[in-house]
Protein backbone atom coordinates (compact mmCIF):
# COMPACT_ATOMS: atom_id res chain seq x y z
CA MET A 1 -0.86 -10.65 -7.51
CA CYS A 2 0.82 -7.58 -9.23
CA PRO A 3 3.15 -8.12 -11.75
CA ARG A 4 6.68 -6.76 -11.00
CA GLY A 5 7.40 -3.01 -11.51
CA ASP A 6 3.39 -1.98 -11.91
CA ARG A 7 2.93 0.96 -9.60
CA GLY A 8 -0.73 1.27 -9.99
CA CYS A 9 -1.41 -2.42 -8.79
CA VAL A 10 -3.05 -2.64 -5.60
CA ASN A 11 -1.80 -4.81 -2.96
CA PHE A 12 -4.17 -6.95 -2.01
CA ASN A 13 -2.47 -7.90 1.34
CA GLU A 14 -2.29 -4.27 2.03
CA THR A 15 -5.99 -3.58 1.44
CA ARG A 16 -6.92 -6.15 3.88
CA GLU A 17 -4.63 -4.22 6.50
CA GLU A 18 -6.07 -0.98 5.90
CA LEU A 19 -9.50 -2.65 6.11
CA GLY A 20 -9.05 -4.58 9.20
CA ALA A 21 -7.12 -1.03 10.76
CA GLY A 22 -10.30 0.92 9.70
CA ILE A 23 -12.82 -0.91 11.42
CA ARG A 24 -11.06 -0.99 14.20
CA GLU A 25 -10.09 2.92 14.32
CA TRP A 26 -14.00 2.91 14.11
CA ARG A 27 -14.79 0.61 16.95
CA ILE A 28 -12.72 2.89 19.22
CA ARG A 29 -14.09 6.02 18.10
CA ARG A 30 -17.77 4.27 18.82
CA ARG A 31 -16.39 3.25 22.28
CA VAL A 32 -17.27 -0.18 21.26
CA THR A 33 -15.27 -3.54 22.42
CA GLN A 34 -14.20 -6.17 20.20
CA ASP A 35 -16.67 -8.56 22.02
CA ALA A 36 -19.78 -5.99 21.89
CA LEU A 37 -19.46 -5.66 18.23
CA ALA A 38 -19.23 -9.06 17.59
CA HIS A 39 -22.41 -10.02 19.88
CA ALA A 40 -24.47 -7.14 17.94
CA ALA A 41 -23.42 -8.17 14.37
CA ASP A 42 -23.98 -11.64 14.99
CA ILE A 43 -20.47 -12.68 13.89
CA ASN A 44 -17.49 -14.90 15.92
CA VAL A 45 -15.38 -12.63 18.16
CA ASN A 46 -12.58 -14.73 16.65
CA SER A 47 -13.81 -13.79 13.61
CA LEU A 48 -14.08 -9.65 13.60
CA GLY A 49 -10.12 -9.98 15.68
CA ARG A 50 -9.26 -12.11 12.29
CA VAL A 51 -10.65 -9.08 10.12
CA GLU A 52 -9.27 -6.12 12.46
CA ARG A 53 -5.37 -7.74 11.46
CA GLY A 54 -6.02 -8.25 8.05
CA GLU A 55 -5.60 -12.01 8.41
CA THR A 56 -8.95 -12.80 6.30
CA ASN A 57 -11.16 -11.89 3.97
CA PRO A 58 -14.76 -10.97 5.19
CA GLU A 59 -17.74 -11.94 3.18
CA LEU A 60 -19.94 -8.82 2.17
CA LEU A 61 -22.50 -9.74 4.73
CA THR A 62 -19.87 -9.66 7.37
CA LEU A 63 -18.85 -6.14 6.32
CA TRP A 64 -22.81 -4.93 5.91
CA LYS A 65 -22.91 -6.31 10.10
CA ILE A 66 -20.23 -4.47 11.31
CA ALA A 67 -20.88 -1.25 9.17
CA THR A 68 -24.40 -1.11 10.33
CA LYS A 69 -23.45 -1.44 14.24
CA LEU A 70 -20.85 0.73 13.92
CA LYS A 71 -23.04 3.11 11.63
CA VAL A 72 -21.36 3.96 9.01
CA SER A 73 -21.11 2.64 5.29
CA VAL A 74 -19.17 -0.16 4.38
CA ALA A 75 -17.05 1.95 2.04
CA GLN A 76 -16.33 4.10 5.42
CA LEU A 77 -14.95 0.92 6.93
CA PHE A 78 -12.23 1.46 4.59
CA LEU A 79 -10.86 4.62 5.18
CA GLY A 80 -11.56 4.74 8.75
CA PRO A 81 -12.70 8.09 11.05
CA ALA A 82 -9.07 9.70 10.46
CA ARG A 83 -8.87 9.10 6.49
CA GLU A 84 -12.42 10.16 5.95
């Protein structure tokens, strides 16, 4: 958690939400459904939905699987195509 008044602190929940939004944007840009991406990445579709909504902390392996199937780097997942 960020100490009160620390403007340089990064909010963890906002970071999770940005990651989820980036994944969703890449998925939509690639014209892939949640179901198809989850199947291709060998993850549960409900888990992918929670990641996209910023509700969970995905493991690095999960992020790598998603990124690989979307043909982007893990770092690009955080940025999304619009913020590249």
